[in-house]
Amino acid sequence: MADEKQEKPRPRLLGDYLPCSPGSIRLAMQKKRDDKLHGKPQKRIGELLIELDIIEDEQLTNALRQQRADRLGQCSVFHSLNRAELSAIGNQFSELSLPSDKQFIFEGENDPTLYVLVSGKLEVFTKNDDGDEIHIAFVDPVEPIGEMGYFQGGIRTASVRTVVPTELLSAPYKGLTHYFEHVPHVAHAFLDVINQRQAQTNERLNNTEN
């Protein structure tokens, strides 16, 4: 039926891009669990697959590049880019894994970084003059985070923390300047997100004051 919501496609996991069997992925997952149980430093699945001699460095690099391009292509800011452009801009990003209830953007601090939420959930909030938190919004995948700071010299206008364990892509603003200022469809989409977030923030603050 026309009014039924379409389900979002399942996000592709790194294993979908790697030339190894599901059994090899399970082996790496088991090692990750064992390392955590014994208090060893936690490594990403790709690193463990290399450590187990299941894949090579180049195969992991290629898989991450493809996965980044797909993830960025689902983001409202970058979805109009073609595959070659997504691969190119993906080189500016790196993966970041955070546990639940982890604040990683702090209002008023300088952090010239754009994030893209690829899995998990985030809460955007601010504080009033009395230091009380004011909830602004929850953010779900696949959305950009930290876009406001681009036009504020990197100064954060709100704080952000994870609600559940979260996967992000992060890139310095300076690596994205070409796209935000010289690729019209990306620039327009970026400004649309900023305007929507600003309106959302203003509405929330106005409701709090009334």
N, C-alpha and C. Protein backbone atom coordinates (compact mmCIF):
# COMPACT_ATOMS: atom_id res chain seq x y z
N MET A 1 0.84 -1.20 0.00
CA MET A 1 0.00 0.00 0.00
C MET A 1 0.87 1.24 0.00
N ALA A 2 0.35 2.34 -0.57
CA ALA A 2 1.17 3.54 -0.75
C ALA A 2 1.55 4.18 0.56
N ASP A 3 0.64 4.03 1.61
CA ASP A 3 0.90 4.72 2.86
C ASP A 3 1.75 3.89 3.81
N GLU A 4 2.16 2.69 3.40
CA GLU A 4 3.02 1.89 4.24
C GLU A 4 4.45 2.43 4.19
N LYS A 5 5.09 2.43 5.34
CA LYS A 5 6.45 2.90 5.41
C LYS A 5 7.39 1.87 4.82
N GLN A 6 8.32 2.32 4.01
CA GLN A 6 9.31 1.42 3.45
C GLN A 6 10.40 1.18 4.47
N GLU A 7 10.75 -0.08 4.64
CA GLU A 7 11.82 -0.41 5.55
C GLU A 7 13.15 0.03 4.98
N LYS A 8 13.98 0.58 5.87
CA LYS A 8 15.31 0.98 5.43
C LYS A 8 16.13 -0.27 5.15
N PRO A 9 16.98 -0.22 4.12
CA PRO A 9 17.82 -1.39 3.83
C PRO A 9 18.75 -1.67 5.00
N ARG A 10 19.03 -2.95 5.22
CA ARG A 10 19.92 -3.32 6.32
C ARG A 10 21.30 -2.75 6.07
N PRO A 11 21.85 -2.05 7.06
CA PRO A 11 23.22 -1.54 6.89
C PRO A 11 24.18 -2.69 6.66
N ARG A 12 25.02 -2.56 5.67
CA ARG A 12 25.97 -3.63 5.37
C ARG A 12 27.12 -3.60 6.38
N LEU A 13 27.39 -4.76 6.95
CA LEU A 13 28.48 -4.88 7.90
C LEU A 13 29.79 -5.07 7.17
N LEU A 14 30.88 -4.86 7.88
CA LEU A 14 32.20 -4.96 7.25
C LEU A 14 32.42 -6.33 6.62
N GLY A 15 31.91 -7.37 7.28
CA GLY A 15 32.08 -8.72 6.74
C GLY A 15 31.49 -8.90 5.36
N ASP A 16 30.48 -8.07 5.02
CA ASP A 16 29.87 -8.16 3.69
C ASP A 16 30.82 -7.74 2.59
N TYR A 17 31.85 -7.01 2.96
CA TYR A 17 32.80 -6.48 1.96
C TYR A 17 34.11 -7.26 1.92
N LEU A 18 34.27 -8.19 2.84
CA LEU A 18 35.54 -8.90 2.95
C LEU A 18 35.49 -10.27 2.28
N PRO A 19 36.61 -10.68 1.68
CA PRO A 19 36.67 -11.98 1.01
C PRO A 19 36.96 -13.11 2.01
N CYS A 20 36.06 -13.27 2.98
CA CYS A 20 36.24 -14.34 3.97
C CYS A 20 34.87 -14.91 4.32
N SER A 21 34.86 -16.08 4.89
CA SER A 21 33.62 -16.80 5.16
C SER A 21 32.96 -16.30 6.44
N PRO A 22 31.65 -16.56 6.59
CA PRO A 22 30.97 -16.22 7.85
C PRO A 22 31.63 -16.90 9.05
N GLY A 23 32.18 -18.10 8.83
CA GLY A 23 32.86 -18.79 9.91
C GLY A 23 34.08 -18.04 10.39
N SER A 24 34.80 -17.40 9.47
CA SER A 24 35.97 -16.61 9.83
C SER A 24 35.56 -15.38 10.65
N ILE A 25 34.44 -14.78 10.27
CA ILE A 25 33.92 -13.63 11.02
C ILE A 25 33.55 -14.06 12.43
N ARG A 26 32.90 -15.23 12.54
CA ARG A 26 32.53 -15.72 13.87
C ARG A 26 33.76 -15.99 14.72
N LEU A 27 34.82 -16.51 14.09
CA LEU A 27 36.06 -16.76 14.81
C LEU A 27 36.64 -15.47 15.37
N ALA A 28 36.62 -14.40 14.55
CA ALA A 28 37.13 -13.10 15.00
C ALA A 28 36.24 -12.53 16.11
N MET A 29 34.93 -12.72 15.98
CA MET A 29 34.02 -12.24 17.02
C MET A 29 34.27 -12.96 18.34
N GLN A 30 34.54 -14.25 18.27
CA GLN A 30 34.82 -15.01 19.48
C GLN A 30 36.10 -14.52 20.14
N LYS A 31 37.11 -14.23 19.31
CA LYS A 31 38.37 -13.71 19.86
C LYS A 31 38.14 -12.35 20.51
N LYS A 32 37.28 -11.55 19.91
CA LYS A 32 36.97 -10.23 20.49
C LYS A 32 36.31 -10.40 21.85
N ARG A 33 35.39 -11.37 21.96
CA ARG A 33 34.74 -11.62 23.24
C ARG A 33 35.73 -12.14 24.28
N ASP A 34 36.63 -13.04 23.83
CA ASP A 34 37.62 -13.59 24.75
C ASP A 34 38.57 -12.51 25.25
N ASP A 35 38.99 -11.62 24.34
CA ASP A 35 39.89 -10.52 24.73
C ASP A 35 39.22 -9.62 25.75
N LYS A 36 37.93 -9.33 25.54
CA LYS A 36 37.20 -8.48 26.48
C LYS A 36 37.09 -9.16 27.84
N LEU A 37 36.82 -10.47 27.82
CA LEU A 37 36.68 -11.23 29.05
C LEU A 37 37.97 -11.21 29.87
N HIS A 38 39.11 -11.21 29.17
CA HIS A 38 40.40 -11.25 29.85
C HIS A 38 41.01 -9.85 30.03
N GLY A 39 40.22 -8.82 29.76
CA GLY A 39 40.67 -7.46 30.00
C GLY A 39 41.70 -6.95 29.02
N LYS A 40 41.79 -7.58 27.85
CA LYS A 40 42.76 -7.13 26.85
C LYS A 40 42.20 -5.94 26.06
N PRO A 41 43.09 -5.12 25.48
CA PRO A 41 42.61 -3.99 24.68
C PRO A 41 41.70 -4.47 23.55
N GLN A 42 40.59 -3.75 23.35
CA GLN A 42 39.63 -4.14 22.34
C GLN A 42 40.07 -3.70 20.94
N LYS A 43 40.02 -4.63 20.01
CA LYS A 43 40.36 -4.34 18.63
C LYS A 43 39.12 -4.49 17.75
N ARG A 44 39.14 -3.81 16.61
CA ARG A 44 38.05 -3.92 15.67
C ARG A 44 38.14 -5.27 14.96
N ILE A 45 37.01 -5.71 14.39
CA ILE A 45 36.95 -7.02 13.74
C ILE A 45 37.97 -7.14 12.62
N GLY A 46 38.13 -6.08 11.85
CA GLY A 46 39.10 -6.12 10.75
C GLY A 46 40.51 -6.36 11.24
N GLU A 47 40.86 -5.70 12.34
CA GLU A 47 42.20 -5.88 12.91
C GLU A 47 42.39 -7.32 13.39
N LEU A 48 41.34 -7.89 13.97
CA LEU A 48 41.43 -9.27 14.45
C LEU A 48 41.56 -10.26 13.30
N LEU A 49 40.88 -9.98 12.20
CA LEU A 49 40.98 -10.85 11.03
C LEU A 49 42.40 -10.85 10.46
N ILE A 50 43.05 -9.70 10.49
CA ILE A 50 44.44 -9.61 10.07
C ILE A 50 45.33 -10.37 11.04
N GLU A 51 45.08 -10.18 12.33
CA GLU A 51 45.86 -10.85 13.36
C GLU A 51 45.76 -12.37 13.26
N LEU A 52 44.59 -12.84 12.82
CA LEU A 52 44.37 -14.28 12.67
C LEU A 52 44.83 -14.81 11.31
N ASP A 53 45.44 -13.93 10.49
CA ASP A 53 45.92 -14.29 9.15
C ASP A 53 44.80 -14.75 8.22
N ILE A 54 43.62 -14.17 8.40
CA ILE A 54 42.48 -14.51 7.54
C ILE A 54 42.41 -13.57 6.35
N ILE A 55 42.75 -12.31 6.56
CA ILE A 55 42.79 -11.33 5.48
C ILE A 55 44.11 -10.56 5.57
N GLU A 56 44.38 -9.76 4.51
CA GLU A 56 45.56 -8.92 4.47
C GLU A 56 45.18 -7.46 4.65
N ASP A 57 46.17 -6.64 4.96
CA ASP A 57 45.92 -5.21 5.19
C ASP A 57 45.20 -4.56 4.02
N GLU A 58 45.62 -4.85 2.81
CA GLU A 58 45.02 -4.23 1.63
C GLU A 58 43.56 -4.60 1.48
N GLN A 59 43.21 -5.82 1.81
CA GLN A 59 41.82 -6.25 1.73
C GLN A 59 40.95 -5.51 2.73
N LEU A 60 41.49 -5.28 3.93
CA LEU A 60 40.74 -4.52 4.93
C LEU A 60 40.58 -3.07 4.48
N THR A 61 41.64 -2.49 3.95
CA THR A 61 41.57 -1.10 3.48
C THR A 61 40.51 -0.94 2.40
N ASN A 62 40.48 -1.85 1.45
CA ASN A 62 39.50 -1.79 0.36
C ASN A 62 38.07 -1.97 0.88
N ALA A 63 37.91 -2.89 1.84
CA ALA A 63 36.58 -3.13 2.40
C ALA A 63 36.08 -1.90 3.15
N LEU A 64 36.93 -1.28 3.94
CA LEU A 64 36.54 -0.07 4.67
C LEU A 64 36.20 1.06 3.72
N ARG A 65 36.95 1.17 2.63
CA ARG A 65 36.67 2.22 1.65
C ARG A 65 35.29 2.03 1.03
N GLN A 66 34.95 0.80 0.69
CA GLN A 66 33.65 0.53 0.09
C GLN A 66 32.52 0.75 1.10
N GLN A 67 32.75 0.32 2.33
CA GLN A 67 31.72 0.50 3.35
C GLN A 67 31.48 1.98 3.64
N ARG A 68 32.54 2.78 3.72
CA ARG A 68 32.39 4.22 3.97
C ARG A 68 31.57 4.86 2.85
N ALA A 69 31.89 4.50 1.61
CA ALA A 69 31.17 5.08 0.48
C ALA A 69 29.68 4.76 0.56
N ASP A 70 29.33 3.53 0.90
CA ASP A 70 27.93 3.15 1.02
C ASP A 70 27.26 3.91 2.16
N ARG A 71 27.95 4.01 3.29
CA ARG A 71 27.37 4.70 4.45
C ARG A 71 27.16 6.18 4.17
N LEU A 72 28.15 6.82 3.56
CA LEU A 72 28.02 8.24 3.24
C LEU A 72 26.92 8.46 2.20
N GLY A 73 26.75 7.51 1.30
CA GLY A 73 25.71 7.62 0.29
C GLY A 73 24.30 7.59 0.87
N GLN A 74 24.16 7.07 2.09
CA GLN A 74 22.86 7.04 2.76
C GLN A 74 22.59 8.32 3.55
N CYS A 75 23.62 9.15 3.71
CA CYS A 75 23.49 10.40 4.47
C CYS A 75 22.86 11.48 3.59
N SER A 76 21.94 12.25 4.15
CA SER A 76 21.22 13.26 3.37
C SER A 76 22.14 14.29 2.74
N VAL A 77 23.28 14.56 3.34
CA VAL A 77 24.20 15.57 2.80
C VAL A 77 24.94 15.06 1.57
N PHE A 78 25.24 13.77 1.54
CA PHE A 78 26.12 13.24 0.49
C PHE A 78 25.43 12.30 -0.50
N HIS A 79 24.13 12.06 -0.35
CA HIS A 79 23.49 11.03 -1.16
C HIS A 79 23.47 11.34 -2.66
N SER A 80 23.65 12.61 -3.02
CA SER A 80 23.62 12.97 -4.45
C SER A 80 24.96 12.73 -5.15
N LEU A 81 26.01 12.40 -4.40
CA LEU A 81 27.32 12.15 -5.01
C LEU A 81 27.34 10.80 -5.72
N ASN A 82 28.11 10.73 -6.80
CA ASN A 82 28.24 9.44 -7.48
C ASN A 82 29.26 8.57 -6.75
N ARG A 83 29.40 7.33 -7.23
CA ARG A 83 30.23 6.37 -6.51
C ARG A 83 31.69 6.84 -6.39
N ALA A 84 32.22 7.40 -7.46
CA ALA A 84 33.61 7.86 -7.44
C ALA A 84 33.78 8.99 -6.43
N GLU A 85 32.79 9.90 -6.39
CA GLU A 85 32.86 11.02 -5.45
C GLU A 85 32.73 10.54 -4.00
N LEU A 86 31.85 9.57 -3.78
CA LEU A 86 31.68 9.01 -2.44
C LEU A 86 32.96 8.33 -1.97
N SER A 87 33.62 7.63 -2.88
CA SER A 87 34.88 6.97 -2.52
C SER A 87 35.95 8.00 -2.19
N ALA A 88 35.96 9.10 -2.96
CA ALA A 88 36.96 10.14 -2.73
C ALA A 88 36.73 10.84 -1.39
N ILE A 89 35.49 11.23 -1.13
CA ILE A 89 35.23 11.93 0.13
C ILE A 89 35.35 10.97 1.31
N GLY A 90 35.13 9.69 1.07
CA GLY A 90 35.27 8.71 2.13
C GLY A 90 36.69 8.63 2.66
N ASN A 91 37.67 9.00 1.83
CA ASN A 91 39.06 8.99 2.28
C ASN A 91 39.33 10.01 3.38
N GLN A 92 38.43 10.99 3.52
CA GLN A 92 38.58 12.01 4.57
C GLN A 92 38.08 11.52 5.93
N PHE A 93 37.29 10.43 5.91
CA PHE A 93 36.63 9.96 7.12
C PHE A 93 37.36 8.77 7.74
N SER A 94 37.16 8.60 9.02
CA SER A 94 37.66 7.44 9.74
C SER A 94 36.57 6.93 10.66
N GLU A 95 36.66 5.66 11.07
CA GLU A 95 35.65 5.04 11.90
C GLU A 95 35.88 5.37 13.38
N LEU A 96 34.77 5.51 14.10
CA LEU A 96 34.84 5.80 15.54
C LEU A 96 33.75 5.01 16.24
N SER A 97 34.12 4.19 17.21
CA SER A 97 33.16 3.42 18.00
C SER A 97 33.10 3.98 19.42
N LEU A 98 31.88 4.21 19.91
CA LEU A 98 31.70 4.77 21.25
C LEU A 98 30.71 3.93 22.04
N PRO A 99 30.92 3.79 23.35
CA PRO A 99 29.96 3.08 24.20
C PRO A 99 28.74 3.96 24.47
N SER A 100 27.74 3.40 25.12
CA SER A 100 26.56 4.18 25.47
C SER A 100 26.90 5.23 26.53
N ASP A 101 26.11 6.30 26.55
CA ASP A 101 26.25 7.40 27.53
C ASP A 101 27.64 8.02 27.50
N LYS A 102 28.16 8.21 26.31
CA LYS A 102 29.48 8.83 26.13
C LYS A 102 29.31 10.18 25.43
N GLN A 103 29.65 11.26 26.13
CA GLN A 103 29.59 12.59 25.51
C GLN A 103 30.85 12.79 24.69
N PHE A 104 30.68 13.21 23.42
CA PHE A 104 31.84 13.41 22.56
C PHE A 104 31.85 14.78 21.89
N ILE A 105 30.77 15.53 22.04
CA ILE A 105 30.73 16.92 21.59
C ILE A 105 30.33 17.76 22.80
N PHE A 106 31.12 18.80 23.07
CA PHE A 106 30.91 19.63 24.25
C PHE A 106 30.62 21.06 23.83
N GLU A 107 29.49 21.57 24.25
CA GLU A 107 29.08 22.93 23.91
C GLU A 107 30.14 23.93 24.31
N GLY A 108 30.48 24.84 23.37
CA GLY A 108 31.45 25.89 23.65
C GLY A 108 32.88 25.52 23.33
N GLU A 109 33.17 24.23 23.12
CA GLU A 109 34.53 23.81 22.82
C GLU A 109 34.82 23.87 21.33
N ASN A 110 36.09 23.98 20.99
CA ASN A 110 36.51 24.00 19.59
C ASN A 110 36.79 22.57 19.13
N ASP A 111 36.05 22.12 18.15
CA ASP A 111 36.20 20.76 17.62
C ASP A 111 35.77 20.78 16.16
N PRO A 112 36.69 21.15 15.24
CA PRO A 112 36.34 21.31 13.83
C PRO A 112 36.19 19.96 13.12
N THR A 113 35.18 19.20 13.54
CA THR A 113 34.97 17.86 13.01
C THR A 113 33.51 17.64 12.66
N LEU A 114 33.27 17.00 11.52
CA LEU A 114 31.93 16.56 11.15
C LEU A 114 31.83 15.07 11.40
N TYR A 115 30.74 14.65 12.02
CA TYR A 115 30.48 13.24 12.27
C TYR A 115 29.28 12.80 11.44
N VAL A 116 29.26 11.53 11.09
CA VAL A 116 28.09 10.93 10.47
C VAL A 116 27.72 9.71 11.31
N LEU A 117 26.50 9.71 11.84
CA LEU A 117 26.03 8.59 12.66
C LEU A 117 25.63 7.45 11.74
N VAL A 118 26.30 6.31 11.85
CA VAL A 118 26.00 5.18 10.97
C VAL A 118 25.24 4.06 11.68
N SER A 119 25.35 3.97 13.00
CA SER A 119 24.52 3.04 13.77
C SER A 119 24.49 3.51 15.22
N GLY A 120 23.38 3.23 15.90
CA GLY A 120 23.23 3.68 17.27
C GLY A 120 22.22 4.81 17.38
N LYS A 121 22.35 5.62 18.41
CA LYS A 121 21.44 6.73 18.65
C LYS A 121 22.15 7.79 19.48
N LEU A 122 21.88 9.06 19.19
CA LEU A 122 22.52 10.18 19.88
C LEU A 122 21.47 11.12 20.47
N GLU A 123 21.89 11.83 21.51
CA GLU A 123 21.06 12.88 22.08
C GLU A 123 21.80 14.20 21.99
N VAL A 124 21.12 15.21 21.46
CA VAL A 124 21.66 16.57 21.40
C VAL A 124 21.02 17.37 22.52
N PHE A 125 21.85 18.08 23.29
CA PHE A 125 21.31 18.84 24.41
C PHE A 125 22.15 20.09 24.66
N THR A 126 21.59 21.00 25.42
CA THR A 126 22.29 22.22 25.82
C THR A 126 22.04 22.43 27.30
N LYS A 127 22.59 23.49 27.86
CA LYS A 127 22.36 23.81 29.27
C LYS A 127 21.93 25.26 29.40
N ASN A 128 21.03 25.51 30.34
CA ASN A 128 20.60 26.88 30.57
C ASN A 128 21.55 27.58 31.54
N ASP A 129 21.23 28.80 31.90
CA ASP A 129 22.12 29.58 32.77
C ASP A 129 22.29 28.96 34.15
N ASP A 130 21.33 28.12 34.55
CA ASP A 130 21.42 27.46 35.86
C ASP A 130 22.16 26.13 35.80
N GLY A 131 22.61 25.77 34.58
CA GLY A 131 23.33 24.52 34.43
C GLY A 131 22.44 23.31 34.23
N ASP A 132 21.14 23.53 34.07
CA ASP A 132 20.21 22.42 33.84
C ASP A 132 20.24 22.02 32.36
N GLU A 133 20.19 20.73 32.11
CA GLU A 133 20.20 20.24 30.73
C GLU A 133 18.85 20.47 30.06
N ILE A 134 18.91 20.85 28.79
CA ILE A 134 17.71 21.01 27.97
C ILE A 134 17.85 20.09 26.77
N HIS A 135 16.97 19.12 26.68
CA HIS A 135 17.01 18.18 25.55
C HIS A 135 16.62 18.91 24.27
N ILE A 136 17.42 18.71 23.21
CA ILE A 136 17.12 19.32 21.91
C ILE A 136 16.51 18.30 20.96
N ALA A 137 17.18 17.16 20.81
CA ALA A 137 16.70 16.17 19.85
C ALA A 137 17.44 14.86 20.02
N PHE A 138 16.80 13.79 19.55
CA PHE A 138 17.48 12.52 19.36
C PHE A 138 17.82 12.40 17.88
N VAL A 139 18.95 11.78 17.59
CA VAL A 139 19.39 11.62 16.20
C VAL A 139 19.59 10.14 15.92
N ASP A 140 19.01 9.68 14.80
CA ASP A 140 19.12 8.29 14.36
C ASP A 140 19.96 8.23 13.09
N PRO A 141 20.45 7.04 12.73
CA PRO A 141 21.21 6.90 11.48
C PRO A 141 20.31 7.18 10.27
N VAL A 142 20.82 7.59 9.12
CA VAL A 142 22.23 7.95 8.91
C VAL A 142 22.24 9.47 8.74
N GLU A 143 22.65 10.19 9.79
CA GLU A 143 22.57 11.64 9.78
C GLU A 143 23.90 12.27 10.18
N PRO A 144 24.16 13.50 9.69
CA PRO A 144 25.38 14.22 10.09
C PRO A 144 25.21 14.81 11.49
N ILE A 145 26.31 14.96 12.18
CA ILE A 145 26.34 15.57 13.51
C ILE A 145 27.52 16.53 13.57
N GLY A 146 27.30 17.70 14.16
CA GLY A 146 28.39 18.67 14.28
C GLY A 146 28.46 19.64 13.12
N GLU A 147 27.37 19.70 12.33
CA GLU A 147 27.38 20.56 11.15
C GLU A 147 27.36 22.04 11.51
N MET A 148 26.74 22.40 12.64
CA MET A 148 26.63 23.81 13.02
C MET A 148 27.99 24.46 13.19
N GLY A 149 28.94 23.71 13.72
CA GLY A 149 30.26 24.28 13.98
C GLY A 149 31.02 24.70 12.75
N TYR A 150 30.60 24.21 11.59
CA TYR A 150 31.32 24.56 10.36
C TYR A 150 31.34 26.06 10.12
N PHE A 151 30.23 26.72 10.45
CA PHE A 151 30.14 28.17 10.24
C PHE A 151 30.38 28.95 11.53
N GLN A 152 30.84 28.24 12.58
CA GLN A 152 31.11 28.88 13.86
C GLN A 152 32.59 28.75 14.24
N GLY A 153 33.44 28.57 13.24
CA GLY A 153 34.86 28.43 13.52
C GLY A 153 35.20 27.19 14.32
N GLY A 154 34.35 26.16 14.23
CA GLY A 154 34.59 24.92 14.95
C GLY A 154 34.05 24.91 16.36
N ILE A 155 33.48 26.04 16.82
CA ILE A 155 32.94 26.11 18.18
C ILE A 155 31.58 25.41 18.23
N ARG A 156 31.43 24.51 19.17
CA ARG A 156 30.20 23.74 19.29
C ARG A 156 29.07 24.58 19.89
N THR A 157 27.90 24.49 19.28
CA THR A 157 26.73 25.24 19.74
C THR A 157 25.82 24.41 20.64
N ALA A 158 26.11 23.11 20.77
CA ALA A 158 25.35 22.22 21.65
C ALA A 158 26.23 21.03 21.98
N SER A 159 25.77 20.22 22.91
CA SER A 159 26.50 19.01 23.30
C SER A 159 25.80 17.78 22.74
N VAL A 160 26.57 16.70 22.56
CA VAL A 160 26.02 15.46 22.03
C VAL A 160 26.61 14.28 22.77
N ARG A 161 25.75 13.31 23.11
CA ARG A 161 26.23 12.07 23.72
C ARG A 161 25.51 10.88 23.11
N THR A 162 26.11 9.72 23.29
CA THR A 162 25.50 8.51 22.79
C THR A 162 24.40 8.04 23.74
N VAL A 163 23.39 7.41 23.19
CA VAL A 163 22.31 6.82 23.98
C VAL A 163 22.55 5.31 24.11
N VAL A 164 23.07 4.72 23.06
CA VAL A 164 23.41 3.29 23.01
C VAL A 164 24.79 3.18 22.38
N PRO A 165 25.41 2.00 22.39
CA PRO A 165 26.68 1.85 21.67
C PRO A 165 26.53 2.31 20.22
N THR A 166 27.48 3.09 19.77
CA THR A 166 27.31 3.86 18.53
C THR A 166 28.54 3.78 17.62
N GLU A 167 28.27 3.73 16.31
CA GLU A 167 29.32 3.78 15.31
C GLU A 167 29.20 5.08 14.52
N LEU A 168 30.32 5.78 14.39
CA LEU A 168 30.34 7.05 13.67
C LEU A 168 31.44 7.06 12.63
N LEU A 169 31.29 7.93 11.65
CA LEU A 169 32.38 8.32 10.78
C LEU A 169 32.73 9.76 11.15
N SER A 170 34.01 10.10 11.16
CA SER A 170 34.41 11.47 11.51
C SER A 170 35.42 11.98 10.49
N ALA A 171 35.34 13.28 10.22
CA ALA A 171 36.26 13.91 9.28
C ALA A 171 36.48 15.36 9.67
N PRO A 172 37.69 15.89 9.52
CA PRO A 172 37.93 17.30 9.81
C PRO A 172 37.23 18.18 8.78
N TYR A 173 36.71 19.31 9.23
CA TYR A 173 36.04 20.23 8.32
C TYR A 173 36.91 20.57 7.10
N LYS A 174 38.20 20.77 7.36
CA LYS A 174 39.08 21.23 6.28
C LYS A 174 39.15 20.23 5.13
N GLY A 175 38.91 18.96 5.41
CA GLY A 175 38.92 17.96 4.35
C GLY A 175 37.64 17.94 3.54
N LEU A 176 36.62 18.67 3.99
CA LEU A 176 35.31 18.67 3.33
C LEU A 176 34.97 20.00 2.69
N THR A 177 35.84 20.98 2.85
CA THR A 177 35.57 22.34 2.37
C THR A 177 35.23 22.37 0.89
N HIS A 178 35.96 21.63 0.08
CA HIS A 178 35.70 21.62 -1.37
C HIS A 178 34.25 21.25 -1.66
N TYR A 179 33.74 20.25 -0.98
CA TYR A 179 32.38 19.77 -1.24
C TYR A 179 31.33 20.75 -0.72
N PHE A 180 31.58 21.34 0.45
CA PHE A 180 30.61 22.24 1.05
C PHE A 180 30.56 23.60 0.35
N GLU A 181 31.63 23.98 -0.33
CA GLU A 181 31.69 25.31 -0.92
C GLU A 181 31.74 25.32 -2.45
N HIS A 182 32.04 24.16 -3.06
CA HIS A 182 32.20 24.16 -4.52
C HIS A 182 31.39 23.08 -5.24
N VAL A 183 30.67 22.24 -4.51
CA VAL A 183 29.80 21.24 -5.13
C VAL A 183 28.37 21.61 -4.75
N PRO A 184 27.63 22.26 -5.65
CA PRO A 184 26.35 22.88 -5.31
C PRO A 184 25.35 21.94 -4.62
N HIS A 185 25.17 20.70 -5.15
CA HIS A 185 24.14 19.84 -4.56
C HIS A 185 24.51 19.43 -3.14
N VAL A 186 25.80 19.29 -2.84
CA VAL A 186 26.22 18.98 -1.47
C VAL A 186 26.05 20.21 -0.59
N ALA A 187 26.46 21.37 -1.09
CA ALA A 187 26.33 22.61 -0.32
C ALA A 187 24.87 22.89 0.05
N HIS A 188 23.96 22.69 -0.90
CA HIS A 188 22.54 22.94 -0.64
C HIS A 188 22.00 21.96 0.40
N ALA A 189 22.37 20.70 0.27
CA ALA A 189 21.90 19.69 1.23
C ALA A 189 22.45 19.98 2.62
N PHE A 190 23.71 20.42 2.66
CA PHE A 190 24.35 20.75 3.94
C PHE A 190 23.63 21.91 4.61
N LEU A 191 23.30 22.94 3.84
CA LEU A 191 22.60 24.10 4.38
C LEU A 191 21.18 23.73 4.82
N ASP A 192 20.54 22.82 4.10
CA ASP A 192 19.20 22.38 4.48
C ASP A 192 19.23 21.72 5.86
N VAL A 193 20.24 20.88 6.10
CA VAL A 193 20.36 20.22 7.39
C VAL A 193 20.59 21.25 8.50
N ILE A 194 21.46 22.22 8.23
CA ILE A 194 21.74 23.25 9.22
C ILE A 194 20.49 24.05 9.55
N ASN A 195 19.72 24.44 8.52
CA ASN A 195 18.50 25.22 8.75
C ASN A 195 17.47 24.42 9.55
N GLN A 196 17.35 23.12 9.23
CA GLN A 196 16.40 22.27 9.95
C GLN A 196 16.80 22.12 11.41
N ARG A 197 18.09 21.91 11.65
CA ARG A 197 18.56 21.74 13.02
C ARG A 197 18.41 23.04 13.82
N GLN A 198 18.68 24.17 13.15
CA GLN A 198 18.56 25.46 13.84
C GLN A 198 17.11 25.72 14.23
N ALA A 199 16.19 25.41 13.32
CA ALA A 199 14.77 25.60 13.61
C ALA A 199 14.32 24.69 14.74
N GLN A 200 14.83 23.46 14.73
CA GLN A 200 14.50 22.51 15.79
C GLN A 200 15.01 22.98 17.15
N THR A 201 16.24 23.50 17.16
CA THR A 201 16.82 24.01 18.40
C THR A 201 16.04 25.21 18.92
N ASN A 202 15.72 26.15 18.03
CA ASN A 202 14.99 27.35 18.44
C ASN A 202 13.61 26.99 19.00
N GLU A 203 12.94 26.03 18.36
CA GLU A 203 11.63 25.61 18.83
C GLU A 203 11.71 25.01 20.22
N ARG A 204 12.70 24.15 20.43
CA ARG A 204 12.84 23.50 21.73
C ARG A 204 13.14 24.53 22.83
N LEU A 205 14.04 25.48 22.52
CA LEU A 205 14.39 26.49 23.51
C LEU A 205 13.22 27.40 23.81
N ASN A 206 12.44 27.76 22.79
CA ASN A 206 11.28 28.61 23.00
C ASN A 206 10.23 27.92 23.86
N ASN A 207 10.05 26.62 23.62
CA ASN A 207 9.08 25.86 24.41
C ASN A 207 9.52 25.76 25.87
N THR A 208 10.83 25.71 26.07
CA THR A 208 11.36 25.60 27.44
C THR A 208 11.15 26.91 28.20
N GLU A 209 11.32 28.03 27.49
CA GLU A 209 11.21 29.35 28.14
C GLU A 209 9.76 29.71 28.44
N ASN A 210 8.82 29.18 27.63
CA ASN A 210 7.40 29.54 27.81
C ASN A 210 6.74 28.73 28.93
